[in-house]
mmCIF file of all heavy atoms, coordinates in Angstrom:
data_MODEL
# 
_entry.id   MODEL 
# 
loop_
_atom_site.group_PDB 
_atom_site.id 
_atom_site.type_symbol 
_atom_site.label_atom_id 
_atom_site.label_alt_id 
_atom_site.label_comp_id 
_atom_site.label_asym_id 
_atom_site.label_entity_id 
_atom_site.label_seq_id 
_atom_site.pdbx_PDB_ins_code 
_atom_site.Cartn_x 
_atom_site.Cartn_y 
_atom_site.Cartn_z 
_atom_site.occupancy 
_atom_site.B_iso_or_equiv 
_atom_site.pdbx_formal_charge 
_atom_site.auth_seq_id 
_atom_site.auth_comp_id 
_atom_site.auth_asym_id 
_atom_site.auth_atom_id 
_atom_site.pdbx_PDB_model_num 
ATOM 1   N N   . GLN A 1 1  ? 11.080  -11.937 3.761   1.00 0.00 ? 1  GLN A N   1 
ATOM 2   C CA  . GLN A 1 1  ? 11.950  -12.139 2.601   1.00 0.00 ? 1  GLN A CA  1 
ATOM 3   C C   . GLN A 1 1  ? 12.261  -10.831 1.884   1.00 0.00 ? 1  GLN A C   1 
ATOM 4   O O   . GLN A 1 1  ? 13.253  -10.740 1.158   1.00 0.00 ? 1  GLN A O   1 
ATOM 5   C CB  . GLN A 1 1  ? 11.345  -13.142 1.627   1.00 0.00 ? 1  GLN A CB  1 
ATOM 6   C CG  . GLN A 1 1  ? 9.954   -12.825 1.120   1.00 0.00 ? 1  GLN A CG  1 
ATOM 7   C CD  . GLN A 1 1  ? 8.900   -13.679 1.822   1.00 0.00 ? 1  GLN A CD  1 
ATOM 8   O OE1 . GLN A 1 1  ? 8.996   -13.917 3.017   1.00 0.00 ? 1  GLN A OE1 1 
ATOM 9   N NE2 . GLN A 1 1  ? 7.914   -14.147 1.069   1.00 0.00 ? 1  GLN A NE2 1 
ATOM 10  N N   . VAL A 1 2  ? 11.408  -9.836  2.089   1.00 0.00 ? 2  VAL A N   1 
ATOM 11  C CA  . VAL A 1 2  ? 11.669  -8.492  1.573   1.00 0.00 ? 2  VAL A CA  1 
ATOM 12  C C   . VAL A 1 2  ? 12.048  -7.600  2.753   1.00 0.00 ? 2  VAL A C   1 
ATOM 13  O O   . VAL A 1 2  ? 11.342  -7.573  3.762   1.00 0.00 ? 2  VAL A O   1 
ATOM 14  C CB  . VAL A 1 2  ? 10.421  -7.914  0.861   1.00 0.00 ? 2  VAL A CB  1 
ATOM 15  C CG1 . VAL A 1 2  ? 10.674  -6.487  0.414   1.00 0.00 ? 2  VAL A CG1 1 
ATOM 16  C CG2 . VAL A 1 2  ? 10.038  -8.793  -0.319  1.00 0.00 ? 2  VAL A CG2 1 
ATOM 17  N N   . ARG A 1 3  ? 13.164  -6.886  2.634   1.00 0.00 ? 3  ARG A N   1 
ATOM 18  C CA  . ARG A 1 3  ? 13.620  -6.034  3.731   1.00 0.00 ? 3  ARG A CA  1 
ATOM 19  C C   . ARG A 1 3  ? 13.751  -4.602  3.221   1.00 0.00 ? 3  ARG A C   1 
ATOM 20  O O   . ARG A 1 3  ? 14.796  -4.214  2.680   1.00 0.00 ? 3  ARG A O   1 
ATOM 21  C CB  . ARG A 1 3  ? 14.951  -6.530  4.293   1.00 0.00 ? 3  ARG A CB  1 
ATOM 22  C CG  . ARG A 1 3  ? 14.863  -7.930  4.890   1.00 0.00 ? 3  ARG A CG  1 
ATOM 23  C CD  . ARG A 1 3  ? 16.106  -8.308  5.657   1.00 0.00 ? 3  ARG A CD  1 
ATOM 24  N NE  . ARG A 1 3  ? 16.265  -7.503  6.858   1.00 0.00 ? 3  ARG A NE  1 
ATOM 25  C CZ  . ARG A 1 3  ? 17.214  -7.723  7.769   1.00 0.00 ? 3  ARG A CZ  1 
ATOM 26  N NH1 . ARG A 1 3  ? 18.098  -8.692  7.596   1.00 0.00 ? 3  ARG A NH1 1 
ATOM 27  N NH2 . ARG A 1 3  ? 17.302  -6.952  8.837   1.00 0.00 ? 3  ARG A NH2 1 
ATOM 28  N N   . PRO A 1 4  ? 12.687  -3.795  3.348   1.00 0.00 ? 4  PRO A N   1 
ATOM 29  C CA  . PRO A 1 4  ? 12.744  -2.413  2.869   1.00 0.00 ? 4  PRO A CA  1 
ATOM 30  C C   . PRO A 1 4  ? 13.748  -1.602  3.676   1.00 0.00 ? 4  PRO A C   1 
ATOM 31  O O   . PRO A 1 4  ? 14.019  -1.914  4.846   1.00 0.00 ? 4  PRO A O   1 
ATOM 32  C CB  . PRO A 1 4  ? 11.316  -1.905  3.089   1.00 0.00 ? 4  PRO A CB  1 
ATOM 33  C CG  . PRO A 1 4  ? 10.769  -2.778  4.170   1.00 0.00 ? 4  PRO A CG  1 
ATOM 34  C CD  . PRO A 1 4  ? 11.407  -4.117  3.985   1.00 0.00 ? 4  PRO A CD  1 
ATOM 35  N N   . PRO A 1 5  ? 14.282  -0.548  3.093   1.00 0.00 ? 5  PRO A N   1 
ATOM 36  C CA  . PRO A 1 5  ? 15.230  0.294   3.825   1.00 0.00 ? 5  PRO A CA  1 
ATOM 37  C C   . PRO A 1 5  ? 14.534  1.008   4.980   1.00 0.00 ? 5  PRO A C   1 
ATOM 38  O O   . PRO A 1 5  ? 13.353  1.360   4.899   1.00 0.00 ? 5  PRO A O   1 
ATOM 39  C CB  . PRO A 1 5  ? 15.715  1.284   2.765   1.00 0.00 ? 5  PRO A CB  1 
ATOM 40  C CG  . PRO A 1 5  ? 14.603  1.331   1.744   1.00 0.00 ? 5  PRO A CG  1 
ATOM 41  C CD  . PRO A 1 5  ? 14.048  -0.057  1.719   1.00 0.00 ? 5  PRO A CD  1 
ATOM 42  N N   . LEU A 1 6  ? 15.262  1.201   6.065   1.00 0.00 ? 6  LEU A N   1 
ATOM 43  C CA  . LEU A 1 6  ? 14.747  1.953   7.211   1.00 0.00 ? 6  LEU A CA  1 
ATOM 44  C C   . LEU A 1 6  ? 14.875  3.441   6.951   1.00 0.00 ? 6  LEU A C   1 
ATOM 45  O O   . LEU A 1 6  ? 15.851  3.883   6.347   1.00 0.00 ? 6  LEU A O   1 
ATOM 46  C CB  . LEU A 1 6  ? 15.547  1.568   8.466   1.00 0.00 ? 6  LEU A CB  1 
ATOM 47  C CG  . LEU A 1 6  ? 15.448  0.094   8.897   1.00 0.00 ? 6  LEU A CG  1 
ATOM 48  C CD1 . LEU A 1 6  ? 16.494  -0.211  9.960   1.00 0.00 ? 6  LEU A CD1 1 
ATOM 49  C CD2 . LEU A 1 6  ? 14.058  -0.223  9.431   1.00 0.00 ? 6  LEU A CD2 1 
ATOM 50  N N   . PRO A 1 7  ? 13.918  4.253   7.411   1.00 0.00 ? 7  PRO A N   1 
ATOM 51  C CA  . PRO A 1 7  ? 12.650  3.844   8.012   1.00 0.00 ? 7  PRO A CA  1 
ATOM 52  C C   . PRO A 1 7  ? 11.633  3.454   6.928   1.00 0.00 ? 7  PRO A C   1 
ATOM 53  O O   . PRO A 1 7  ? 11.722  3.912   5.799   1.00 0.00 ? 7  PRO A O   1 
ATOM 54  C CB  . PRO A 1 7  ? 12.196  5.097   8.752   1.00 0.00 ? 7  PRO A CB  1 
ATOM 55  C CG  . PRO A 1 7  ? 12.731  6.219   7.925   1.00 0.00 ? 7  PRO A CG  1 
ATOM 56  C CD  . PRO A 1 7  ? 14.057  5.726   7.387   1.00 0.00 ? 7  PRO A CD  1 
ATOM 57  N N   . PHE A 1 8  ? 10.676  2.634   7.302   1.00 0.00 ? 8  PHE A N   1 
ATOM 58  C CA  . PHE A 1 8  ? 9.627   2.231   6.369   1.00 0.00 ? 8  PHE A CA  1 
ATOM 59  C C   . PHE A 1 8  ? 8.303   2.157   7.119   1.00 0.00 ? 8  PHE A C   1 
ATOM 60  O O   . PHE A 1 8  ? 8.247   2.124   8.355   1.00 0.00 ? 8  PHE A O   1 
ATOM 61  C CB  . PHE A 1 8  ? 9.943   0.877   5.726   1.00 0.00 ? 8  PHE A CB  1 
ATOM 62  C CG  . PHE A 1 8  ? 9.879   -0.286  6.681   1.00 0.00 ? 8  PHE A CG  1 
ATOM 63  C CD1 . PHE A 1 8  ? 8.697   -0.970  6.912   1.00 0.00 ? 8  PHE A CD1 1 
ATOM 64  C CD2 . PHE A 1 8  ? 11.024  -0.704  7.344   1.00 0.00 ? 8  PHE A CD2 1 
ATOM 65  C CE1 . PHE A 1 8  ? 8.642   -2.038  7.796   1.00 0.00 ? 8  PHE A CE1 1 
ATOM 66  C CE2 . PHE A 1 8  ? 10.984  -1.779  8.224   1.00 0.00 ? 8  PHE A CE2 1 
ATOM 67  C CZ  . PHE A 1 8  ? 9.791   -2.438  8.460   1.00 0.00 ? 8  PHE A CZ  1 
ATOM 68  N N   . THR A 1 9  ? 7.235   2.115   6.334   1.00 0.00 ? 9  THR A N   1 
ATOM 69  C CA  . THR A 1 9  ? 5.890   1.951   6.883   1.00 0.00 ? 9  THR A CA  1 
ATOM 70  C C   . THR A 1 9  ? 5.402   0.551   6.546   1.00 0.00 ? 9  THR A C   1 
ATOM 71  O O   . THR A 1 9  ? 5.342   0.195   5.369   1.00 0.00 ? 9  THR A O   1 
ATOM 72  C CB  . THR A 1 9  ? 4.923   2.990   6.289   1.00 0.00 ? 9  THR A CB  1 
ATOM 73  O OG1 . THR A 1 9  ? 5.343   4.296   6.674   1.00 0.00 ? 9  THR A OG1 1 
ATOM 74  C CG2 . THR A 1 9  ? 3.496   2.748   6.775   1.00 0.00 ? 9  THR A CG2 1 
ATOM 75  N N   . PRO A 1 10 ? 5.065   -0.290  7.537   1.00 0.00 ? 10 PRO A N   1 
ATOM 76  C CA  . PRO A 1 10 ? 4.495   -1.602  7.234   1.00 0.00 ? 10 PRO A CA  1 
ATOM 77  C C   . PRO A 1 10 ? 3.048   -1.482  6.752   1.00 0.00 ? 10 PRO A C   1 
ATOM 78  O O   . PRO A 1 10 ? 2.487   -0.390  6.710   1.00 0.00 ? 10 PRO A O   1 
ATOM 79  C CB  . PRO A 1 10 ? 4.597   -2.349  8.569   1.00 0.00 ? 10 PRO A CB  1 
ATOM 80  C CG  . PRO A 1 10 ? 4.662   -1.287  9.608   1.00 0.00 ? 10 PRO A CG  1 
ATOM 81  C CD  . PRO A 1 10 ? 5.240   -0.060  8.973   1.00 0.00 ? 10 PRO A CD  1 
ATOM 82  N N   . GLY A 1 11 ? 2.462   -2.610  6.429   1.00 0.00 ? 11 GLY A N   1 
ATOM 83  C CA  . GLY A 1 11 ? 1.099   -2.632  5.900   1.00 0.00 ? 11 GLY A CA  1 
ATOM 84  C C   . GLY A 1 11 ? 1.119   -3.083  4.456   1.00 0.00 ? 11 GLY A C   1 
ATOM 85  O O   . GLY A 1 11 ? 1.340   -2.276  3.560   1.00 0.00 ? 11 GLY A O   1 
ATOM 86  N N   . VAL A 1 12 ? 0.888   -4.384  4.223   1.00 0.00 ? 12 VAL A N   1 
ATOM 87  C CA  . VAL A 1 12 ? 1.093   -4.954  2.892   1.00 0.00 ? 12 VAL A CA  1 
ATOM 88  C C   . VAL A 1 12 ? -0.193  -5.171  2.108   1.00 0.00 ? 12 VAL A C   1 
ATOM 89  O O   . VAL A 1 12 ? -0.150  -5.690  0.994   1.00 0.00 ? 12 VAL A O   1 
ATOM 90  C CB  . VAL A 1 12 ? 1.867   -6.291  2.988   1.00 0.00 ? 12 VAL A CB  1 
ATOM 91  C CG1 . VAL A 1 12 ? 3.248   -6.077  3.564   1.00 0.00 ? 12 VAL A CG1 1 
ATOM 92  C CG2 . VAL A 1 12 ? 1.098   -7.323  3.817   1.00 0.00 ? 12 VAL A CG2 1 
ATOM 93  N N   . GLU A 1 13 ? -1.333  -4.722  2.663   1.00 0.00 ? 13 GLU A N   1 
ATOM 94  C CA  . GLU A 1 13 ? -2.609  -5.033  2.006   1.00 0.00 ? 13 GLU A CA  1 
ATOM 95  C C   . GLU A 1 13 ? -3.645  -3.980  2.373   1.00 0.00 ? 13 GLU A C   1 
ATOM 96  O O   . GLU A 1 13 ? -3.940  -3.782  3.548   1.00 0.00 ? 13 GLU A O   1 
ATOM 97  C CB  . GLU A 1 13 ? -3.060  -6.420  2.478   1.00 0.00 ? 13 GLU A CB  1 
ATOM 98  C CG  . GLU A 1 13 ? -4.354  -6.929  1.913   1.00 0.00 ? 13 GLU A CG  1 
ATOM 99  C CD  . GLU A 1 13 ? -4.659  -8.313  2.437   1.00 0.00 ? 13 GLU A CD  1 
ATOM 100 O OE1 . GLU A 1 13 ? -4.620  -8.555  3.666   1.00 0.00 ? 13 GLU A OE1 1 
ATOM 101 O OE2 . GLU A 1 13 ? -4.949  -9.183  1.594   1.00 0.00 ? 13 GLU A OE2 1 
ATOM 102 N N   . ILE A 1 14 ? -4.212  -3.305  1.362   1.00 0.00 ? 14 ILE A N   1 
ATOM 103 C CA  . ILE A 1 14 ? -5.153  -2.228  1.653   1.00 0.00 ? 14 ILE A CA  1 
ATOM 104 C C   . ILE A 1 14 ? -6.361  -2.250  0.726   1.00 0.00 ? 14 ILE A C   1 
ATOM 105 O O   . ILE A 1 14 ? -6.340  -2.854  -0.350  1.00 0.00 ? 14 ILE A O   1 
ATOM 106 C CB  . ILE A 1 14 ? -4.489  -0.836  1.524   1.00 0.00 ? 14 ILE A CB  1 
ATOM 107 C CG1 . ILE A 1 14 ? -4.183  -0.519  0.049   1.00 0.00 ? 14 ILE A CG1 1 
ATOM 108 C CG2 . ILE A 1 14 ? -3.254  -0.715  2.388   1.00 0.00 ? 14 ILE A CG2 1 
ATOM 109 C CD1 . ILE A 1 14 ? -3.995  0.951   -0.237  1.00 0.00 ? 14 ILE A CD1 1 
ATOM 110 N N   . CYS A 1 15 ? -7.403  -1.565  1.182   1.00 0.00 ? 15 CYS A N   1 
ATOM 111 C CA  . CYS A 1 15 ? -8.448  -1.067  0.294   1.00 0.00 ? 15 CYS A CA  1 
ATOM 112 C C   . CYS A 1 15 ? -8.244  0.436   0.250   1.00 0.00 ? 15 CYS A C   1 
ATOM 113 O O   . CYS A 1 15 ? -8.138  1.091   1.302   1.00 0.00 ? 15 CYS A O   1 
ATOM 114 C CB  . CYS A 1 15 ? -9.836  -1.408  0.825   1.00 0.00 ? 15 CYS A CB  1 
ATOM 115 S SG  . CYS A 1 15 ? -11.193 -0.712  -0.159  1.00 0.00 ? 15 CYS A SG  1 
ATOM 116 N N   . GLY A 1 16 ? -8.130  0.977   -0.943  1.00 0.00 ? 16 GLY A N   1 
ATOM 117 C CA  . GLY A 1 16 ? -7.846  2.403   -1.066  1.00 0.00 ? 16 GLY A CA  1 
ATOM 118 C C   . GLY A 1 16 ? -8.701  3.060   -2.125  1.00 0.00 ? 16 GLY A C   1 
ATOM 119 O O   . GLY A 1 16 ? -9.559  2.423   -2.754  1.00 0.00 ? 16 GLY A O   1 
ATOM 120 N N   . GLU A 1 17 ? -8.458  4.346   -2.300  1.00 0.00 ? 17 GLU A N   1 
ATOM 121 C CA  . GLU A 1 17 ? -9.214  5.142   -3.276  1.00 0.00 ? 17 GLU A CA  1 
ATOM 122 C C   . GLU A 1 17 ? -8.237  5.893   -4.160  1.00 0.00 ? 17 GLU A C   1 
ATOM 123 O O   . GLU A 1 17 ? -7.325  6.562   -3.663  1.00 0.00 ? 17 GLU A O   1 
ATOM 124 C CB  . GLU A 1 17 ? -10.125 6.119   -2.545  1.00 0.00 ? 17 GLU A CB  1 
ATOM 125 C CG  . GLU A 1 17 ? -11.042 6.915   -3.439  1.00 0.00 ? 17 GLU A CG  1 
ATOM 126 C CD  . GLU A 1 17 ? -11.974 7.818   -2.648  1.00 0.00 ? 17 GLU A CD  1 
ATOM 127 O OE1 . GLU A 1 17 ? -12.403 7.414   -1.546  1.00 0.00 ? 17 GLU A OE1 1 
ATOM 128 O OE2 . GLU A 1 17 ? -12.258 8.930   -3.136  1.00 0.00 ? 17 GLU A OE2 1 
ATOM 129 N N   . THR A 1 18 ? -8.429  5.768   -5.474  1.00 0.00 ? 18 THR A N   1 
ATOM 130 C CA  . THR A 1 18 ? -7.568  6.466   -6.418  1.00 0.00 ? 18 THR A CA  1 
ATOM 131 C C   . THR A 1 18 ? -7.930  7.948   -6.464  1.00 0.00 ? 18 THR A C   1 
ATOM 132 O O   . THR A 1 18 ? -8.988  8.361   -5.965  1.00 0.00 ? 18 THR A O   1 
ATOM 133 C CB  . THR A 1 18 ? -7.699  5.869   -7.822  1.00 0.00 ? 18 THR A CB  1 
ATOM 134 O OG1 . THR A 1 18 ? -9.049  6.051   -8.276  1.00 0.00 ? 18 THR A OG1 1 
ATOM 135 C CG2 . THR A 1 18 ? -7.367  4.380   -7.819  1.00 0.00 ? 18 THR A CG2 1 
ATOM 136 N N   . GLU A 1 19 ? -7.090  8.727   -7.087  1.00 0.00 ? 19 GLU A N   1 
ATOM 137 C CA  . GLU A 1 19 ? -7.345  10.171  -7.180  1.00 0.00 ? 19 GLU A CA  1 
ATOM 138 C C   . GLU A 1 19 ? -8.581  10.478  -8.015  1.00 0.00 ? 19 GLU A C   1 
ATOM 139 O O   . GLU A 1 19 ? -9.194  11.537  -7.855  1.00 0.00 ? 19 GLU A O   1 
ATOM 140 C CB  . GLU A 1 19 ? -6.105  10.863  -7.753  1.00 0.00 ? 19 GLU A CB  1 
ATOM 141 C CG  . GLU A 1 19 ? -4.915  10.842  -6.804  1.00 0.00 ? 19 GLU A CG  1 
ATOM 142 C CD  . GLU A 1 19 ? -3.735  11.608  -7.346  1.00 0.00 ? 19 GLU A CD  1 
ATOM 143 O OE1 . GLU A 1 19 ? -2.955  11.018  -8.127  1.00 0.00 ? 19 GLU A OE1 1 
ATOM 144 O OE2 . GLU A 1 19 ? -3.582  12.804  -6.986  1.00 0.00 ? 19 GLU A OE2 1 
ATOM 145 N N   . ASP A 1 20 ? -8.984  9.538   -8.882  1.00 0.00 ? 20 ASP A N   1 
ATOM 146 C CA  . ASP A 1 20 ? -10.209 9.762   -9.659  1.00 0.00 ? 20 ASP A CA  1 
ATOM 147 C C   . ASP A 1 20 ? -11.423 9.063   -9.034  1.00 0.00 ? 20 ASP A C   1 
ATOM 148 O O   . ASP A 1 20 ? -12.463 8.907   -9.678  1.00 0.00 ? 20 ASP A O   1 
ATOM 149 C CB  . ASP A 1 20 ? -10.021 9.316   -11.118 1.00 0.00 ? 20 ASP A CB  1 
ATOM 150 C CG  . ASP A 1 20 ? -9.642  7.844   -11.250 1.00 0.00 ? 20 ASP A CG  1 
ATOM 151 O OD1 . ASP A 1 20 ? -9.543  7.154   -10.215 1.00 0.00 ? 20 ASP A OD1 1 
ATOM 152 O OD2 . ASP A 1 20 ? -9.440  7.385   -12.392 1.00 0.00 ? 20 ASP A OD2 1 
ATOM 153 N N   . GLY A 1 21 ? -11.280 8.609   -7.754  1.00 0.00 ? 21 GLY A N   1 
ATOM 154 C CA  . GLY A 1 21 ? -12.433 8.136   -7.006  1.00 0.00 ? 21 GLY A CA  1 
ATOM 155 C C   . GLY A 1 21 ? -12.761 6.664   -7.094  1.00 0.00 ? 21 GLY A C   1 
ATOM 156 O O   . GLY A 1 21 ? -13.800 6.233   -6.592  1.00 0.00 ? 21 GLY A O   1 
ATOM 157 N N   . ARG A 1 22 ? -11.901 5.860   -7.694  1.00 0.00 ? 22 ARG A N   1 
ATOM 158 C CA  . ARG A 1 22 ? -12.175 4.424   -7.786  1.00 0.00 ? 22 ARG A CA  1 
ATOM 159 C C   . ARG A 1 22 ? -11.765 3.724   -6.486  1.00 0.00 ? 22 ARG A C   1 
ATOM 160 O O   . ARG A 1 22 ? -10.716 4.012   -5.921  1.00 0.00 ? 22 ARG A O   1 
ATOM 161 C CB  . ARG A 1 22 ? -11.431 3.804   -8.967  1.00 0.00 ? 22 ARG A CB  1 
ATOM 162 C CG  . ARG A 1 22 ? -11.942 4.228   -10.322 1.00 0.00 ? 22 ARG A CG  1 
ATOM 163 C CD  . ARG A 1 22 ? -11.114 3.629   -11.448 1.00 0.00 ? 22 ARG A CD  1 
ATOM 164 N NE  . ARG A 1 22 ? -9.762  4.162   -11.471 1.00 0.00 ? 22 ARG A NE  1 
ATOM 165 C CZ  . ARG A 1 22 ? -8.661  3.427   -11.341 1.00 0.00 ? 22 ARG A CZ  1 
ATOM 166 N NH1 . ARG A 1 22 ? -8.768  2.105   -11.163 1.00 0.00 ? 22 ARG A NH1 1 
ATOM 167 N NH2 . ARG A 1 22 ? -7.468  3.992   -11.396 1.00 0.00 ? 22 ARG A NH2 1 
ATOM 168 N N   . ARG A 1 23 ? -12.610 2.788   -6.038  1.00 0.00 ? 23 ARG A N   1 
ATOM 169 C CA  . ARG A 1 23 ? -12.297 1.992   -4.844  1.00 0.00 ? 23 ARG A CA  1 
ATOM 170 C C   . ARG A 1 23 ? -11.567 0.730   -5.297  1.00 0.00 ? 23 ARG A C   1 
ATOM 171 O O   . ARG A 1 23 ? -12.075 -0.030  -6.125  1.00 0.00 ? 23 ARG A O   1 
ATOM 172 C CB  . ARG A 1 23 ? -13.582 1.629   -4.089  1.00 0.00 ? 23 ARG A CB  1 
ATOM 173 C CG  . ARG A 1 23 ? -13.363 1.193   -2.639  1.00 0.00 ? 23 ARG A CG  1 
ATOM 174 C CD  . ARG A 1 23 ? -14.699 1.059   -1.921  1.00 0.00 ? 23 ARG A CD  1 
ATOM 175 N NE  . ARG A 1 23 ? -15.471 -0.080  -2.401  1.00 0.00 ? 23 ARG A NE  1 
ATOM 176 C CZ  . ARG A 1 23 ? -15.610 -1.232  -1.732  1.00 0.00 ? 23 ARG A CZ  1 
ATOM 177 N NH1 . ARG A 1 23 ? -15.062 -1.397  -0.548  1.00 0.00 ? 23 ARG A NH1 1 
ATOM 178 N NH2 . ARG A 1 23 ? -16.326 -2.206  -2.250  1.00 0.00 ? 23 ARG A NH2 1 
ATOM 179 N N   . VAL A 1 24 ? -10.367 0.511   -4.760  1.00 0.00 ? 24 VAL A N   1 
ATOM 180 C CA  . VAL A 1 24 ? -9.505  -0.553  -5.251  1.00 0.00 ? 24 VAL A CA  1 
ATOM 181 C C   . VAL A 1 24 ? -8.858  -1.295  -4.081  1.00 0.00 ? 24 VAL A C   1 
ATOM 182 O O   . VAL A 1 24 ? -8.880  -0.834  -2.934  1.00 0.00 ? 24 VAL A O   1 
ATOM 183 C CB  . VAL A 1 24 ? -8.394  0.006   -6.164  1.00 0.00 ? 24 VAL A CB  1 
ATOM 184 C CG1 . VAL A 1 24 ? -8.999  0.698   -7.382  1.00 0.00 ? 24 VAL A CG1 1 
ATOM 185 C CG2 . VAL A 1 24 ? -7.487  0.970   -5.392  1.00 0.00 ? 24 VAL A CG2 1 
ATOM 186 N N   . ILE A 1 25 ? -8.294  -2.467  -4.385  1.00 0.00 ? 25 ILE A N   1 
ATOM 187 C CA  . ILE A 1 25 ? -7.437  -3.149  -3.422  1.00 0.00 ? 25 ILE A CA  1 
ATOM 188 C C   . ILE A 1 25 ? -6.040  -3.256  -4.032  1.00 0.00 ? 25 ILE A C   1 
ATOM 189 O O   . ILE A 1 25 ? -5.891  -3.322  -5.262  1.00 0.00 ? 25 ILE A O   1 
ATOM 190 C CB  . ILE A 1 25 ? -7.973  -4.535  -3.037  1.00 0.00 ? 25 ILE A CB  1 
ATOM 191 C CG1 . ILE A 1 25 ? -8.093  -5.461  -4.249  1.00 0.00 ? 25 ILE A CG1 1 
ATOM 192 C CG2 . ILE A 1 25 ? -9.315  -4.415  -2.343  1.00 0.00 ? 25 ILE A CG2 1 
ATOM 193 C CD1 . ILE A 1 25 ? -8.513  -6.879  -3.877  1.00 0.00 ? 25 ILE A CD1 1 
ATOM 194 N N   . ALA A 1 26 ? -5.039  -3.264  -3.161  1.00 0.00 ? 26 ALA A N   1 
ATOM 195 C CA  . ALA A 1 26 ? -3.669  -3.235  -3.659  1.00 0.00 ? 26 ALA A CA  1 
ATOM 196 C C   . ALA A 1 26 ? -2.693  -3.663  -2.576  1.00 0.00 ? 26 ALA A C   1 
ATOM 197 O O   . ALA A 1 26 ? -3.001  -3.635  -1.385  1.00 0.00 ? 26 ALA A O   1 
ATOM 198 C CB  . ALA A 1 26 ? -3.305  -1.822  -4.141  1.00 0.00 ? 26 ALA A CB  1 
ATOM 199 N N   . ASN A 1 27 ? -1.504  -4.055  -3.037  1.00 0.00 ? 27 ASN A N   1 
ATOM 200 C CA  . ASN A 1 27 ? -0.361  -4.245  -2.151  1.00 0.00 ? 27 ASN A CA  1 
ATOM 201 C C   . ASN A 1 27 ? 0.522   -3.011  -2.284  1.00 0.00 ? 27 ASN A C   1 
ATOM 202 O O   . ASN A 1 27 ? 1.083   -2.770  -3.348  1.00 0.00 ? 27 ASN A O   1 
ATOM 203 C CB  . ASN A 1 27 ? 0.442   -5.492  -2.539  1.00 0.00 ? 27 ASN A CB  1 
ATOM 204 C CG  . ASN A 1 27 ? -0.378  -6.763  -2.494  1.00 0.00 ? 27 ASN A CG  1 
ATOM 205 O OD1 . ASN A 1 27 ? -0.431  -7.508  -3.457  1.00 0.00 ? 27 ASN A OD1 1 
ATOM 206 N ND2 . ASN A 1 27 ? -1.018  -7.021  -1.364  1.00 0.00 ? 27 ASN A ND2 1 
ATOM 207 N N   . PRO A 1 28 ? 0.640   -2.203  -1.242  1.00 0.00 ? 28 PRO A N   1 
ATOM 208 C CA  . PRO A 1 28 ? 1.453   -0.993  -1.334  1.00 0.00 ? 28 PRO A CA  1 
ATOM 209 C C   . PRO A 1 28 ? 2.896   -1.294  -1.715  1.00 0.00 ? 28 PRO A C   1 
ATOM 210 O O   . PRO A 1 28 ? 3.419   -2.382  -1.441  1.00 0.00 ? 28 PRO A O   1 
ATOM 211 C CB  . PRO A 1 28 ? 1.362   -0.406  0.076   1.00 0.00 ? 28 PRO A CB  1 
ATOM 212 C CG  . PRO A 1 28 ? 0.066   -0.913  0.613   1.00 0.00 ? 28 PRO A CG  1 
ATOM 213 C CD  . PRO A 1 28 ? -0.051  -2.306  0.056   1.00 0.00 ? 28 PRO A CD  1 
# 
């Protein structure tokens, strides 16, 4: 239902790290 412009990077769900070191989950 969402069509990002080409080119794009898929991957809609992550565990990541903020620049201040917090471990978080997010939808990119």
